[in-house]
Structure formats: C-alpha cells, structure tokens
Amino acid sequence: MAEPLSTGGQLGRAAGKLFNAARRAAGDPALREKAAATGQAASRSLASSRIAATAPVKLGAGKRLFRQFTAHISLALRLLGYQIGGVLFLAFALAFGWHGLTVWRHLPPSIGIAGERMAFLQMGIGLLFAYFGLSSWFKTAALRRKGK
C-alpha cells in the first residue's frame, strides 16, 4: 500500500501535470491555434519558447568551444609553469648543494663546528630544492598522462 503524498509532493505532481499538458499543447499545431484563439497566455509563451529554444544551442556550442579552448590553453600554461619551475628549483638545488659541498670539503679546521653546520644547512636546502624540482617534473608528467 502506497503512502499518501505530502502537501509538497501533491503540489509538485500537480505542477508537473500542468507543465506537461502545456508542453504537449505547445507542440501540437492544432492545440496551439486553439490556445491562441482562446487567449491562453501560458500555451502561447510555451509555444514561442519552443521555437526560440534552438537559439541557445548555438550559443551553448560557442561556450563549449570557448571553454575547451581555454582548458587546453590553461593545461599548456600549467605544464609550462611546472617545467620552468622545476628547472629553476633544480638550478637552485645545484647551486646550494655544490656550494655546501665545496665549503664542507675545503673547510679549514680553524672554522670549527659553525662552518660545518652552515655547509650542511646549505646542502639540506639544496636537497629541499631538488625535491621541489623533481616533484614539479613528476606533476608535469602526471598532468600530461591525465590530460587535464
């Protein structure tokens, strides 16, 4: 046994029936002429909206084309940004790592522990930049595979 509909459900069902009847009337030329003769505005407006419904389709196609174009341009710019960022991060990684390594290898014994800590800090910063550079290249490869 089906439960009775709530008030909102009953109103929605009634509105749907009215809308479907008006849409059928708008599609049938005989009913359209009869509705125009009796002066029913709802059927007339639905009939005119049915005729005008083809215009937004062309506009929608233009919007789709523009969105696809901007999506491709956006993807290309994002890929280029990740690649340039990766190259810059790897250049900084090389500079910091190389400088830290040369300072550590040629460190005079008189400098002490402070100089050694600074060399290790520079090599650590170089490793951090290397991670950022490699992750940028991996993001580029993943975006290329995914195509988004």
C-alpha atoms as a PDB file:
ATOM      1  CA  MET A   1       0.000   0.000   0.000  1.00  0.00           C
ATOM      2  CA  ALA A   2       1.490   3.337  -1.045  1.00  0.00           C
ATOM      3  CA  GLU A   3       1.786   6.121   1.454  1.00  0.00           C
ATOM      4  CA  PRO A   4      -0.134   9.322   0.710  1.00  0.00           C
ATOM      5  CA  LEU A   5       1.951  12.146  -0.696  1.00  0.00           C
ATOM      6  CA  SER A   6       2.797  15.136   1.405  1.00  0.00           C
ATOM      7  CA  THR A   7       1.419  18.539   0.512  1.00  0.00           C
ATOM      8  CA  GLY A   8       4.641  19.443  -1.290  1.00  0.00           C
ATOM      9  CA  GLY A   9       4.563  16.175  -3.215  1.00  0.00           C
ATOM     10  CA  GLN A  10       0.966  16.737  -4.254  1.00  0.00           C
ATOM     11  CA  LEU A  11       1.728  20.296  -5.396  1.00  0.00           C
ATOM     12  CA  GLY A  12       4.774  19.109  -7.340  1.00  0.00           C
ATOM     13  CA  ARG A  13       2.804  16.373  -9.073  1.00  0.00           C
ATOM     14  CA  ALA A  14       0.027  18.820  -9.987  1.00  0.00           C
ATOM     15  CA  ALA A  15       2.539  21.354 -11.345  1.00  0.00           C
ATOM     16  CA  GLY A  16       4.217  18.617 -13.380  1.00  0.00           C
ATOM     17  CA  LYS A  17       0.900  17.587 -14.906  1.00  0.00           C
ATOM     18  CA  LEU A  18       0.109  21.196 -15.820  1.00  0.00           C
ATOM     19  CA  PHE A  19       3.541  21.735 -17.295  1.00  0.00           C
ATOM     20  CA  ASN A  20       3.394  18.543 -19.359  1.00  0.00           C
ATOM     21  CA  ALA A  21      -0.076  19.438 -20.637  1.00  0.00           C
ATOM     22  CA  ALA A  22       1.127  22.908 -21.627  1.00  0.00           C
ATOM     23  CA  ARG A  23       4.174  21.429 -23.341  1.00  0.00           C
ATOM     24  CA  ARG A  24       2.041  18.982 -25.310  1.00  0.00           C
ATOM     25  CA  ALA A  25      -0.241  21.856 -26.273  1.00  0.00           C
ATOM     26  CA  ALA A  26       2.743  23.893 -27.427  1.00  0.00           C
ATOM     27  CA  GLY A  27       3.972  21.053 -29.631  1.00  0.00           C
ATOM     28  CA  ASP A  28       0.638  20.345 -31.327  1.00  0.00           C
ATOM     29  CA  PRO A  29      -0.219  22.990 -34.006  1.00  0.00           C
ATOM     30  CA  ALA A  30      -3.980  22.463 -33.675  1.00  0.00           C
ATOM     31  CA  LEU A  31      -3.878  22.941 -29.917  1.00  0.00           C
ATOM     32  CA  ARG A  32      -1.606  25.961 -30.357  1.00  0.00           C
ATOM     33  CA  GLU A  33      -4.104  27.646 -32.665  1.00  0.00           C
ATOM     34  CA  LYS A  34      -6.937  26.786 -30.311  1.00  0.00           C
ATOM     35  CA  ALA A  35      -4.984  28.185 -27.351  1.00  0.00           C
ATOM     36  CA  ALA A  36      -4.144  31.337 -29.317  1.00  0.00           C
ATOM     37  CA  ALA A  37      -7.807  31.770 -30.223  1.00  0.00           C
ATOM     38  CA  THR A  38      -8.954  31.429 -26.623  1.00  0.00           C
ATOM     39  CA  GLY A  39      -6.176  33.736 -25.413  1.00  0.00           C
ATOM     40  CA  GLN A  40      -4.332  31.365 -23.115  1.00  0.00           C
ATOM     41  CA  ALA A  41      -1.061  33.121 -22.473  1.00  0.00           C
ATOM     42  CA  ALA A  42       0.766  30.165 -20.945  1.00  0.00           C
ATOM     43  CA  SER A  43       0.444  27.987 -24.028  1.00  0.00           C
ATOM     44  CA  ARG A  44       1.415  30.894 -26.274  1.00  0.00           C
ATOM     45  CA  SER A  45       4.558  31.630 -24.287  1.00  0.00           C
ATOM     46  CA  LEU A  46       5.478  27.959 -24.236  1.00  0.00           C
ATOM     47  CA  ALA A  47       4.977  27.730 -27.988  1.00  0.00           C
ATOM     48  CA  SER A  48       7.203  30.740 -28.592  1.00  0.00           C
ATOM     49  CA  SER A  49       9.829  29.429 -26.179  1.00  0.00           C
ATOM     50  CA  ARG A  50       9.828  26.117 -28.033  1.00  0.00           C
ATOM     51  CA  ILE A  51      10.612  27.914 -31.289  1.00  0.00           C
ATOM     52  CA  ALA A  52      13.284  30.052 -29.622  1.00  0.00           C
ATOM     53  CA  ALA A  53      14.831  27.036 -27.899  1.00  0.00           C
ATOM     54  CA  THR A  54      17.101  26.390 -30.880  1.00  0.00           C
ATOM     55  CA  ALA A  55      18.968  29.696 -30.477  1.00  0.00           C
ATOM     56  CA  PRO A  56      20.695  28.873 -27.157  1.00  0.00           C
ATOM     57  CA  VAL A  57      22.028  25.626 -28.611  1.00  0.00           C
ATOM     58  CA  LYS A  58      24.310  27.540 -30.962  1.00  0.00           C
ATOM     59  CA  LEU A  59      25.296  29.851 -28.134  1.00  0.00           C
ATOM     60  CA  GLY A  60      25.947  26.804 -25.963  1.00  0.00           C
ATOM     61  CA  ALA A  61      28.184  25.326 -28.643  1.00  0.00           C
ATOM     62  CA  GLY A  62      30.159  28.552 -28.742  1.00  0.00           C
ATOM     63  CA  LYS A  63      30.510  28.493 -24.974  1.00  0.00           C
ATOM     64  CA  ARG A  64      31.647  24.872 -25.104  1.00  0.00           C
ATOM     65  CA  LEU A  65      34.200  25.700 -27.773  1.00  0.00           C
ATOM     66  CA  PHE A  66      35.499  28.639 -25.720  1.00  0.00           C
ATOM     67  CA  ARG A  67      35.706  26.503 -22.555  1.00  0.00           C
ATOM     68  CA  GLN A  68      37.556  23.735 -24.383  1.00  0.00           C
ATOM     69  CA  PHE A  69      39.960  26.252 -25.909  1.00  0.00           C
ATOM     70  CA  THR A  70      40.628  27.877 -22.542  1.00  0.00           C
ATOM     71  CA  ALA A  71      41.032  24.435 -20.932  1.00  0.00           C
ATOM     72  CA  HIS A  72      43.693  23.486 -23.490  1.00  0.00           C
ATOM     73  CA  ILE A  73      45.482  26.808 -23.094  1.00  0.00           C
ATOM     74  CA  SER A  74      45.268  26.502 -19.311  1.00  0.00           C
ATOM     75  CA  LEU A  75      46.726  22.992 -19.426  1.00  0.00           C
ATOM     76  CA  ALA A  76      49.565  24.105 -21.688  1.00  0.00           C
ATOM     77  CA  LEU A  77      50.390  27.074 -19.457  1.00  0.00           C
ATOM     78  CA  ARG A  78      50.243  24.922 -16.331  1.00  0.00           C
ATOM     79  CA  LEU A  79      52.573  22.349 -17.882  1.00  0.00           C
ATOM     80  CA  LEU A  80      54.958  25.081 -18.973  1.00  0.00           C
ATOM     81  CA  GLY A  81      54.855  26.644 -15.500  1.00  0.00           C
ATOM     82  CA  TYR A  82      55.663  23.328 -13.817  1.00  0.00           C
ATOM     83  CA  GLN A  83      58.531  22.703 -16.232  1.00  0.00           C
ATOM     84  CA  ILE A  84      60.040  26.173 -15.802  1.00  0.00           C
ATOM     85  CA  GLY A  85      59.570  25.965 -12.043  1.00  0.00           C
ATOM     86  CA  GLY A  86      61.226  22.555 -11.993  1.00  0.00           C
ATOM     87  CA  VAL A  87      64.229  23.846 -13.935  1.00  0.00           C
ATOM     88  CA  LEU A  88      64.589  26.841 -11.620  1.00  0.00           C
ATOM     89  CA  PHE A  89      64.293  24.697  -8.482  1.00  0.00           C
ATOM     90  CA  LEU A  90      66.881  22.257  -9.841  1.00  0.00           C
ATOM     91  CA  ALA A  91      69.226  25.146 -10.664  1.00  0.00           C
ATOM     92  CA  PHE A  92      68.915  26.451  -7.089  1.00  0.00           C
ATOM     93  CA  ALA A  93      69.402  22.906  -5.775  1.00  0.00           C
ATOM     94  CA  LEU A  94      72.577  22.540  -7.787  1.00  0.00           C
ATOM     95  CA  ALA A  95      73.887  25.917  -6.630  1.00  0.00           C
ATOM     96  CA  PHE A  96      73.145  25.373  -2.927  1.00  0.00           C
ATOM     97  CA  GLY A  97      74.287  21.750  -2.946  1.00  0.00           C
ATOM     98  CA  TRP A  98      77.508  22.446  -4.812  1.00  0.00           C
ATOM     99  CA  HIS A  99      78.389  25.415  -2.621  1.00  0.00           C
ATOM    100  CA  GLY A 100      77.631  23.484   0.562  1.00  0.00           C
ATOM    101  CA  LEU A 101      79.699  20.531  -0.625  1.00  0.00           C
ATOM    102  CA  THR A 102      82.690  22.673  -1.577  1.00  0.00           C
ATOM    103  CA  VAL A 103      82.545  24.567   1.722  1.00  0.00           C
ATOM    104  CA  TRP A 104      82.370  21.297   3.657  1.00  0.00           C
ATOM    105  CA  ARG A 105      85.238  19.666   1.727  1.00  0.00           C
ATOM    106  CA  HIS A 106      87.565  22.684   1.904  1.00  0.00           C
ATOM    107  CA  LEU A 107      86.651  23.747   5.396  1.00  0.00           C
ATOM    108  CA  PRO A 108      89.711  24.809   7.369  1.00  0.00           C
ATOM    109  CA  PRO A 109      89.943  23.220  10.809  1.00  0.00           C
ATOM    110  CA  SER A 110      90.089  26.637  12.456  1.00  0.00           C
ATOM    111  CA  ILE A 111      86.460  27.483  11.475  1.00  0.00           C
ATOM    112  CA  GLY A 112      85.054  24.812  13.754  1.00  0.00           C
ATOM    113  CA  ILE A 113      81.571  23.423  14.079  1.00  0.00           C
ATOM    114  CA  ALA A 114      79.715  26.596  12.985  1.00  0.00           C
ATOM    115  CA  GLY A 115      81.147  26.448   9.470  1.00  0.00           C
ATOM    116  CA  GLU A 116      80.340  22.755   9.240  1.00  0.00           C
ATOM    117  CA  ARG A 117      76.747  23.370  10.287  1.00  0.00           C
ATOM    118  CA  MET A 118      76.436  26.101   7.671  1.00  0.00           C
ATOM    119  CA  ALA A 119      77.739  23.736   4.982  1.00  0.00           C
ATOM    120  CA  PHE A 120      75.246  21.033   5.992  1.00  0.00           C
ATOM    121  CA  LEU A 121      72.459  23.602   6.094  1.00  0.00           C
ATOM    122  CA  GLN A 122      73.301  24.662   2.538  1.00  0.00           C
ATOM    123  CA  MET A 123      73.332  21.043   1.369  1.00  0.00           C
ATOM    124  CA  GLY A 124      69.977  20.473   3.108  1.00  0.00           C
ATOM    125  CA  ILE A 125      68.483  23.483   1.352  1.00  0.00           C
ATOM    126  CA  GLY A 126      69.891  22.081  -1.896  1.00  0.00           C
ATOM    127  CA  LEU A 127      68.142  18.749  -1.231  1.00  0.00           C
ATOM    128  CA  LEU A 128      64.892  20.569  -0.485  1.00  0.00           C
ATOM    129  CA  PHE A 129      65.111  22.477  -3.772  1.00  0.00           C
ATOM    130  CA  ALA A 130      65.946  19.224  -5.584  1.00  0.00           C
ATOM    131  CA  TYR A 131      62.781  17.669  -4.146  1.00  0.00           C
ATOM    132  CA  PHE A 132      60.701  20.639  -5.326  1.00  0.00           C
ATOM    133  CA  GLY A 133      62.270  20.487  -8.803  1.00  0.00           C
ATOM    134  CA  LEU A 134      61.733  16.750  -9.227  1.00  0.00           C
ATOM    135  CA  SER A 135      58.172  16.916  -7.915  1.00  0.00           C
ATOM    136  CA  SER A 136      57.401  19.641 -10.458  1.00  0.00           C
ATOM    137  CA  TRP A 137      58.606  17.379 -13.241  1.00  0.00           C
ATOM    138  CA  PHE A 138      56.560  14.464 -11.879  1.00  0.00           C
ATOM    139  CA  LYS A 139      53.481  16.727 -11.742  1.00  0.00           C
ATOM    140  CA  THR A 140      54.099  17.667 -15.359  1.00  0.00           C
ATOM    141  CA  ALA A 141      54.301  14.016 -16.380  1.00  0.00           C
ATOM    142  CA  ALA A 142      51.146  13.154 -14.429  1.00  0.00           C
ATOM    143  CA  LEU A 143      49.211  16.044 -15.981  1.00  0.00           C
ATOM    144  CA  ARG A 144      50.365  15.022 -19.437  1.00  0.00           C
ATOM    145  CA  ARG A 145      49.189  11.451 -18.857  1.00  0.00           C
ATOM    146  CA  LYS A 146      45.915  12.534 -17.317  1.00  0.00           C
ATOM    147  CA  GLY A 147      45.257  15.214 -19.941  1.00  0.00           C
ATOM    148  CA  LYS A 148      43.560  17.608 -17.532  1.00  0.00           C
END
